[in-house]
Amino acid sequence: MKSDINRRFHTRVVANIFYSAVVTVLIELFLVTNISLIASYMKNTDRDNAFVELLTTFDAVVILIYVVFGIGIFTVTFLLLQESSMRYIAKISDAMHSISEGDLNITVDIEGDDEFSVMAASLNKMVGDLKELMDKEREAERTKNELITNIAHDLRTPLTSITGYLELLSGETKLDLEVQKKYIGIAYVKTKRLEKLIEDLFGFTKLNYGKMSMHVAKVDVMKLLSQLLEEFYPSFVDKNLSYELQSNVPAMVILADGNLLARLFDNLINNAIKYGADGKRILVKVNGNEEQVTISVVNYGYVIPADELPLIFNKFYRVEQSRSTDTGGTGLGLAIAKNIVDVHGGVIDVTSDLSGTVFTVKLKVEFDVNKENFGKIG
């Protein structure tokens, strides 16, 4: 491609040189012929002119004059033919100067298919890459600030409650045994919430930067989901929710990291409980075949707006912007879930309408451990 462009550019320059030479020769011939005719006419009419006669003698001085004049004609013609390229180079040069001064909103129109057009395209690509890099840096800075704000808020809230109740329990005022149990229970719940927040933060960091090693083995998805649903039984009771596990197969064994899968579905089920309490029911469906297994976690509560669905797996993003005790969190649960699916070479998707909010995970039965998967996380 590059050699072809060079060839076309060189061909154009050679053609312009040829055209300039032809124009120069024609003009020189025209002048010599007409000067000779004028000299003959003046001699025949006895109107001799020393200068005209000098031009027709063709000695060294006259030849030099013709040569210099021809060079001038050639130069002017060649510059006229190259004018468009020179203007284009000037535009590229101005654009480069503007970019060097920090103006990244400038672009150069692509004209022709020579080296200059390639230079303009490369310049436009460089500007685009710089803008993208700067946008990523701004996003990273914004994310870092948001992370600090989220961590400060999410850790401070349970810590404040724990500190308050422990101060009451350790104070001089004697409390009834029932009140003590109540305060201890609240402090315990807040402590578990604090543990979950810290676990999410560490887990996301490890997954996001590929620092978590995978331990792939045979995992029965049906057993894993049944165990998780049983562990969530107190939460179902607390939220007055019923749950059901449906499957087209009695067992579904796949190659995967069991701990990561447990975390994946723990996050999805926990999310369904938080935002699906109004629907009174949680449904987990498994559809397996020889090549892949599809797991759907369905809740019938809050409907996610269509414009927010593409953002649902973004880190720190939460559909419900309020930071209530019931649904507050780091906003990392679904981002962690997506990362886990990604490292397993699977796909996760979400739909939400009046018939329910469905998180669908598709995983391959045979999973090849590929270190490149970790390198692409985040």
Protein backbone atom coordinates (compact mmCIF):
# COMPACT_ATOMS: atom_id res chain seq x y z
CA MET A 1 0.00 0.00 0.00
CA LYS A 2 2.71 2.45 1.03
CA SER A 3 4.92 1.61 -1.99
CA ASP A 4 1.90 2.06 -4.26
CA ILE A 5 1.24 5.52 -2.80
CA ASN A 6 4.90 6.46 -3.21
CA ARG A 7 4.82 5.27 -6.80
CA ARG A 8 1.72 7.36 -7.58
CA PHE A 9 3.27 10.43 -5.94
CA HIS A 10 6.53 10.05 -7.85
CA THR A 11 4.60 9.48 -11.07
CA ARG A 12 2.66 12.71 -10.50
CA VAL A 13 5.87 14.68 -9.88
CA VAL A 14 7.54 13.22 -12.98
CA ALA A 15 4.41 14.03 -15.02
CA ASN A 16 4.48 17.63 -13.77
CA ILE A 17 8.17 17.89 -14.71
CA PHE A 18 7.36 16.53 -18.18
CA TYR A 19 4.44 18.96 -18.65
CA SER A 20 6.62 21.86 -17.47
CA ALA A 21 9.39 20.85 -19.90
CA VAL A 22 6.91 20.57 -22.80
CA VAL A 23 5.43 24.00 -22.02
CA THR A 24 8.95 25.48 -21.77
CA VAL A 25 10.04 23.96 -25.11
CA LEU A 26 6.87 25.15 -26.86
CA ILE A 27 7.23 28.69 -25.53
CA GLU A 28 10.94 28.76 -26.41
CA LEU A 29 10.20 27.50 -29.95
CA PHE A 30 7.44 30.05 -30.29
CA LEU A 31 9.77 32.87 -29.24
CA VAL A 32 12.70 31.76 -31.42
CA THR A 33 10.45 31.27 -34.47
CA ASN A 34 8.67 34.58 -34.04
CA ILE A 35 11.86 36.52 -33.30
CA SER A 36 13.46 35.06 -36.46
CA LEU A 37 10.38 36.07 -38.49
CA ILE A 38 10.42 39.56 -36.99
CA ALA A 39 14.15 39.90 -37.72
CA SER A 40 13.65 38.79 -41.36
CA TYR A 41 10.74 41.19 -41.80
CA MET A 42 12.66 44.12 -40.36
CA LYS A 43 15.70 43.35 -42.56
CA ASN A 44 13.52 43.18 -45.67
CA THR A 45 11.89 46.51 -44.81
CA ASP A 46 15.19 48.18 -43.90
CA ARG A 47 14.12 48.51 -40.29
CA ASP A 48 17.07 46.79 -38.69
CA ASN A 49 17.06 46.69 -34.92
CA ALA A 50 20.29 45.93 -33.11
CA PHE A 51 18.59 44.06 -30.25
CA VAL A 52 16.47 41.91 -32.54
CA GLU A 53 19.49 41.19 -34.70
CA LEU A 54 21.43 40.24 -31.57
CA LEU A 55 18.76 37.73 -30.58
CA THR A 56 19.08 35.98 -33.91
CA THR A 57 22.85 35.60 -33.81
CA PHE A 58 22.72 32.70 -31.31
CA ASP A 59 26.09 33.36 -29.75
CA ALA A 60 26.93 32.31 -26.16
CA VAL A 61 25.25 35.33 -24.52
CA VAL A 62 22.00 34.91 -26.42
CA ILE A 63 21.90 31.18 -25.76
CA LEU A 64 22.43 31.90 -22.07
CA ILE A 65 19.51 34.36 -22.12
CA TYR A 66 17.27 31.74 -23.73
CA VAL A 67 18.36 29.13 -21.18
CA VAL A 68 17.69 31.43 -18.24
CA PHE A 69 14.32 32.40 -19.70
CA GLY A 70 13.49 28.72 -20.24
CA ILE A 71 14.43 27.88 -16.67
CA GLY A 72 12.12 30.67 -15.50
CA ILE A 73 9.24 29.35 -17.60
CA PHE A 74 9.86 25.80 -16.40
CA THR A 75 9.95 26.92 -12.74
CA VAL A 76 6.74 28.95 -12.97
CA THR A 77 4.91 26.15 -14.78
CA PHE A 78 6.07 23.50 -12.33
CA LEU A 79 5.08 25.65 -9.33
CA LEU A 80 1.62 26.22 -10.82
CA LEU A 81 1.18 22.47 -11.32
CA GLN A 82 2.37 21.79 -7.75
CA GLU A 83 0.36 24.61 -6.18
CA SER A 84 -2.43 22.36 -4.87
CA SER A 85 0.09 20.07 -3.18
CA MET A 86 1.90 23.05 -1.67
CA ARG A 87 -1.37 24.46 -0.30
CA TYR A 88 -2.19 21.04 1.13
CA ILE A 89 1.23 20.84 2.82
CA ALA A 90 0.61 24.31 4.27
CA LYS A 91 -2.76 23.13 5.69
CA ILE A 92 -1.08 20.09 7.25
CA SER A 93 1.66 22.29 8.68
CA ASP A 94 -0.90 24.72 10.18
CA ALA A 95 -2.82 21.81 11.67
CA MET A 96 0.35 20.39 13.24
CA HIS A 97 1.14 23.82 14.71
CA SER A 98 -2.37 24.08 16.18
CA ILE A 99 -2.10 20.57 17.65
CA SER A 100 1.27 21.43 19.20
CA GLU A 101 -0.46 24.33 20.97
CA GLY A 102 -3.10 22.00 22.43
CA ASP A 103 -5.97 22.29 19.94
CA LEU A 104 -7.25 18.72 19.49
CA ASN A 105 -10.48 19.70 17.74
CA ILE A 106 -8.78 20.25 14.41
CA THR A 107 -8.85 17.83 11.49
CA VAL A 108 -7.38 17.91 7.99
CA ASP A 109 -9.53 16.98 5.00
CA ILE A 110 -8.23 13.97 3.09
CA GLU A 111 -7.48 15.06 -0.48
CA GLY A 112 -6.11 12.71 -3.12
CA ASP A 113 -4.25 9.47 -2.48
CA ASP A 114 -0.60 10.46 -2.26
CA GLU A 115 1.85 10.71 0.62
CA PHE A 116 0.34 13.98 1.80
CA SER A 117 -3.13 12.46 2.13
CA VAL A 118 -1.59 9.60 4.09
CA MET A 119 0.16 12.17 6.28
CA ALA A 120 -3.17 13.96 6.84
CA ALA A 121 -4.93 10.68 7.69
CA SER A 122 -2.15 9.77 10.13
CA LEU A 123 -2.39 13.21 11.71
CA ASN A 124 -6.16 12.86 12.12
CA LYS A 125 -5.70 9.41 13.66
CA MET A 126 -3.06 10.76 16.04
CA VAL A 127 -5.44 13.54 17.14
CA GLY A 128 -8.22 11.01 17.63
CA ASP A 129 -5.94 8.74 19.67
CA LEU A 130 -4.79 11.69 21.80
CA LYS A 131 -8.38 12.75 22.46
CA GLU A 132 -9.33 9.18 23.35
CA LEU A 133 -6.33 8.90 25.66
CA MET A 134 -7.19 12.18 27.37
CA ASP A 135 -10.82 11.11 27.71
CA LYS A 136 -9.68 7.85 29.31
CA GLU A 137 -7.42 9.74 31.69
CA ARG A 138 -10.29 12.05 32.65
CA GLU A 139 -12.57 9.04 33.11
CA ALA A 140 -9.94 7.31 35.23
CA GLU A 141 -9.60 10.43 37.37
CA ARG A 142 -13.38 10.71 37.68
CA THR A 143 -13.65 7.02 38.55
CA LYS A 144 -10.91 7.32 41.14
CA ASN A 145 -12.65 10.28 42.77
CA GLU A 146 -15.96 8.44 42.64
CA LEU A 147 -14.35 5.36 44.16
CA ILE A 148 -12.92 7.40 47.02
CA THR A 149 -16.29 9.07 47.61
CA ASN A 150 -18.16 5.76 47.49
CA ILE A 151 -15.71 4.01 49.78
CA ALA A 152 -15.76 6.89 52.26
CA HIS A 153 -19.56 6.90 52.37
CA ASP A 154 -20.15 3.16 52.27
CA LEU A 155 -17.56 2.39 54.94
CA ARG A 156 -18.39 5.33 57.17
CA THR A 157 -22.12 4.55 57.42
CA PRO A 158 -21.85 1.04 58.95
CA LEU A 159 -18.79 2.03 60.97
CA THR A 160 -20.72 4.92 62.53
CA SER A 161 -23.58 2.57 63.47
CA ILE A 162 -21.22 -0.07 64.87
CA THR A 163 -19.32 2.52 66.91
CA GLY A 164 -22.56 4.01 68.23
CA TYR A 165 -24.06 0.72 69.39
CA LEU A 166 -20.77 -0.47 70.90
CA GLU A 167 -20.52 2.79 72.84
CA LEU A 168 -24.02 2.20 74.19
CA LEU A 169 -23.14 -1.37 75.15
CA SER A 170 -19.88 -0.37 76.84
CA GLY A 171 -21.30 2.72 78.55
CA GLU A 172 -22.13 3.13 82.19
CA THR A 173 -25.87 2.91 81.59
CA LYS A 174 -27.12 -0.60 82.26
CA LEU A 175 -29.24 -2.03 79.46
CA ASP A 176 -31.75 -4.82 79.55
CA LEU A 177 -30.60 -8.17 78.17
CA GLU A 178 -33.05 -7.93 75.27
CA VAL A 179 -31.82 -4.45 74.37
CA GLN A 180 -28.21 -5.66 74.52
CA LYS A 181 -29.02 -8.56 72.19
CA LYS A 182 -30.77 -6.16 69.83
CA TYR A 183 -27.80 -3.78 69.73
CA ILE A 184 -25.34 -6.66 69.29
CA GLY A 185 -27.48 -8.02 66.46
CA ILE A 186 -27.54 -4.65 64.71
CA ALA A 187 -23.77 -4.25 65.14
CA TYR A 188 -23.27 -7.75 63.72
CA VAL A 189 -25.41 -7.00 60.66
CA LYS A 190 -23.50 -3.78 60.07
CA THR A 191 -20.21 -5.65 60.46
CA LYS A 192 -21.26 -8.23 57.85
CA ARG A 193 -22.28 -5.41 55.53
CA LEU A 194 -18.87 -3.80 56.05
CA GLU A 195 -17.20 -7.14 55.31
CA LYS A 196 -19.20 -7.48 52.09
CA LEU A 197 -18.22 -3.99 50.94
CA ILE A 198 -14.53 -4.63 51.56
CA GLU A 199 -14.79 -8.03 49.87
CA ASP A 200 -16.36 -6.41 46.78
CA LEU A 201 -13.64 -3.79 46.60
CA PHE A 202 -10.78 -6.29 46.89
CA GLY A 203 -12.46 -8.76 44.55
CA PHE A 204 -13.07 -6.19 41.86
CA THR A 205 -9.50 -4.88 42.10
CA LYS A 206 -8.05 -8.37 41.70
CA LEU A 207 -10.31 -9.26 38.79
CA ASN A 208 -9.93 -5.89 37.11
CA TYR A 209 -6.15 -6.08 37.05
CA GLY A 210 -5.86 -9.80 36.38
CA LYS A 211 -4.24 -10.62 39.72
CA MET A 212 -6.63 -13.40 40.68
CA SER A 213 -5.53 -16.92 39.70
CA MET A 214 -8.15 -19.31 38.36
CA HIS A 215 -8.66 -22.86 39.60
CA VAL A 216 -10.62 -24.60 36.88
CA ALA A 217 -12.35 -27.86 37.72
CA LYS A 218 -15.62 -29.67 37.09
CA VAL A 219 -18.54 -27.76 38.61
CA ASP A 220 -22.16 -28.93 38.81
CA VAL A 221 -24.11 -25.73 38.16
CA MET A 222 -27.34 -27.24 39.53
CA LYS A 223 -25.75 -28.16 42.87
CA LEU A 224 -24.05 -24.76 43.08
CA LEU A 225 -27.29 -22.85 42.49
CA SER A 226 -29.28 -25.07 44.87
CA GLN A 227 -26.73 -24.47 47.63
CA LEU A 228 -26.70 -20.70 47.03
CA LEU A 229 -30.49 -20.48 47.10
CA GLU A 230 -30.55 -22.39 50.39
CA GLU A 231 -27.97 -20.00 51.84
CA PHE A 232 -30.15 -17.07 50.81
CA TYR A 233 -33.22 -18.58 52.50
CA PRO A 234 -33.10 -16.15 55.48
CA SER A 235 -32.98 -13.23 53.04
CA PHE A 236 -35.95 -14.61 51.13
CA VAL A 237 -37.91 -14.91 54.37
CA ASP A 238 -36.87 -11.43 55.49
CA LYS A 239 -38.05 -9.90 52.18
CA ASN A 240 -41.16 -12.12 52.04
CA LEU A 241 -39.98 -13.66 48.75
CA SER A 242 -40.55 -17.10 47.31
CA TYR A 243 -37.98 -18.70 45.02
CA GLU A 244 -37.90 -21.48 42.45
CA LEU A 245 -35.14 -23.31 40.59
CA GLN A 246 -36.13 -24.70 37.18
CA SER A 247 -33.97 -26.79 34.85
CA ASN A 248 -34.26 -28.93 31.76
CA VAL A 249 -31.54 -31.25 33.10
CA PRO A 250 -31.07 -32.89 36.54
CA ALA A 251 -27.35 -32.00 36.58
CA MET A 252 -25.16 -29.71 34.52
CA VAL A 253 -21.40 -30.20 34.86
CA ILE A 254 -19.07 -27.64 33.27
CA LEU A 255 -15.39 -26.71 33.52
CA ALA A 256 -15.05 -23.48 35.50
CA ASP A 257 -13.69 -21.86 38.65
CA GLY A 258 -16.24 -22.87 41.28
CA ASN A 259 -15.42 -20.01 43.66
CA LEU A 260 -15.77 -17.40 40.95
CA LEU A 261 -19.04 -18.90 39.73
CA ALA A 262 -20.34 -18.90 43.32
CA ARG A 263 -19.49 -15.21 43.53
CA LEU A 264 -21.10 -14.52 40.16
CA PHE A 265 -24.45 -16.06 41.07
CA ASP A 266 -24.25 -14.78 44.64
CA ASN A 267 -24.12 -11.26 43.22
CA LEU A 268 -26.96 -11.89 40.75
CA ILE A 269 -29.24 -13.49 43.34
CA ASN A 270 -28.41 -10.83 45.91
CA ASN A 271 -29.21 -8.16 43.32
CA ALA A 272 -32.52 -9.87 42.53
CA ILE A 273 -33.44 -9.91 46.23
CA LYS A 274 -32.56 -6.22 46.70
CA TYR A 275 -34.48 -4.91 43.72
CA GLY A 276 -37.12 -7.61 43.30
CA ALA A 277 -38.76 -7.56 46.73
CA ASP A 278 -41.91 -5.94 45.34
CA GLY A 279 -42.36 -8.83 42.91
CA LYS A 280 -42.61 -11.41 45.73
CA ARG A 281 -40.83 -14.08 43.65
CA ILE A 282 -37.35 -14.98 42.38
CA LEU A 283 -36.95 -17.49 39.55
CA VAL A 284 -33.68 -19.16 38.56
CA LYS A 285 -33.79 -21.11 35.28
CA VAL A 286 -31.14 -23.44 33.86
CA ASN A 287 -31.09 -24.61 30.26
CA GLY A 288 -28.20 -26.88 29.37
CA ASN A 289 -26.97 -28.77 26.33
CA GLU A 290 -23.73 -30.42 25.23
CA GLU A 291 -22.02 -27.14 24.33
CA GLN A 292 -23.23 -24.50 26.78
CA VAL A 293 -25.43 -23.76 29.75
CA THR A 294 -27.74 -20.76 30.06
CA ILE A 295 -28.67 -19.52 33.53
CA SER A 296 -31.34 -16.86 33.99
CA VAL A 297 -32.01 -15.05 37.27
CA VAL A 298 -35.44 -13.39 37.14
CA ASN A 299 -37.07 -10.94 39.52
CA TYR A 300 -40.42 -9.22 39.15
CA GLY A 301 -39.75 -6.00 41.01
CA TYR A 302 -38.31 -2.68 39.86
CA VAL A 303 -38.21 -2.27 36.05
CA ILE A 304 -34.88 -0.91 34.82
CA PRO A 305 -35.36 1.98 32.33
CA ALA A 306 -34.35 1.04 28.79
CA ASP A 307 -31.78 3.86 28.54
CA GLU A 308 -30.00 2.57 31.65
CA LEU A 309 -29.69 -1.08 30.57
CA PRO A 310 -26.43 -0.52 28.58
CA LEU A 311 -24.85 1.00 31.72
CA ILE A 312 -25.93 -1.66 34.18
CA PHE A 313 -22.57 -3.52 34.20
CA ASN A 314 -20.44 -0.38 34.52
CA LYS A 315 -18.42 -0.17 37.72
CA PHE A 316 -19.95 2.05 40.40
CA TYR A 317 -23.14 2.47 38.37
CA ARG A 318 -26.42 1.92 40.17
CA VAL A 319 -29.91 2.27 38.78
CA GLU A 320 -31.19 3.46 42.13
CA GLN A 321 -29.12 6.54 42.87
CA SER A 322 -30.16 6.82 46.53
CA ARG A 323 -27.77 5.17 48.96
CA SER A 324 -30.31 3.56 51.25
CA THR A 325 -29.49 0.90 53.81
CA ASP A 326 -31.52 -1.70 51.91
CA THR A 327 -30.06 -1.26 48.46
CA GLY A 328 -26.91 0.77 48.99
CA GLY A 329 -23.52 -0.62 48.03
CA THR A 330 -20.38 0.01 46.09
CA GLY A 331 -22.05 -0.49 42.72
CA LEU A 332 -19.45 -3.18 41.96
CA GLY A 333 -21.60 -6.32 42.19
CA LEU A 334 -22.71 -6.45 38.56
CA ALA A 335 -19.31 -5.23 37.31
CA ILE A 336 -17.70 -8.13 39.18
CA ALA A 337 -20.30 -10.50 37.72
CA LYS A 338 -19.48 -9.36 34.18
CA ASN A 339 -15.74 -9.73 34.77
CA ILE A 340 -16.21 -13.28 36.04
CA VAL A 341 -18.28 -14.17 32.98
CA ASP A 342 -15.66 -12.56 30.72
CA VAL A 343 -12.77 -14.58 32.14
CA HIS A 344 -14.80 -17.74 31.53
CA GLY A 345 -15.33 -16.75 27.89
CA GLY A 346 -19.07 -16.41 28.43
CA VAL A 347 -21.74 -13.77 27.86
CA ILE A 348 -23.96 -11.90 30.31
CA ASP A 349 -26.98 -9.83 29.33
CA VAL A 350 -29.97 -8.13 30.95
CA THR A 351 -33.51 -7.34 29.87
CA SER A 352 -36.17 -5.57 31.88
CA ASP A 353 -39.86 -4.91 31.29
CA LEU A 354 -43.19 -5.49 32.99
CA SER A 355 -42.78 -9.26 32.58
CA GLY A 356 -39.63 -9.21 34.75
CA THR A 357 -35.97 -8.26 34.95
CA VAL A 358 -33.84 -11.10 33.57
CA PHE A 359 -30.07 -11.48 33.96
CA THR A 360 -28.92 -14.16 31.53
CA VAL A 361 -25.52 -15.87 31.72
CA LYS A 362 -24.23 -18.17 28.98
CA LEU A 363 -21.20 -20.33 29.77
CA LYS A 364 -19.36 -22.93 27.69
CA VAL A 365 -19.34 -26.50 28.96
CA GLU A 366 -15.68 -26.92 27.96
CA PHE A 367 -13.64 -23.95 29.17
CA ASP A 368 -10.05 -23.47 27.98
CA VAL A 369 -7.98 -21.59 30.53
CA ASN A 370 -6.40 -18.75 28.57
CA LYS A 371 -4.21 -16.22 30.30
CA GLU A 372 -5.16 -13.69 27.64
CA ASN A 373 -8.63 -13.56 29.18
CA PHE A 374 -7.23 -12.00 32.30
CA GLY A 375 -5.23 -9.51 30.34
CA LYS A 376 -8.41 -8.17 28.77
CA ILE A 377 -10.43 -7.72 31.94
CA GLY A 378 -11.69 -4.29 32.88
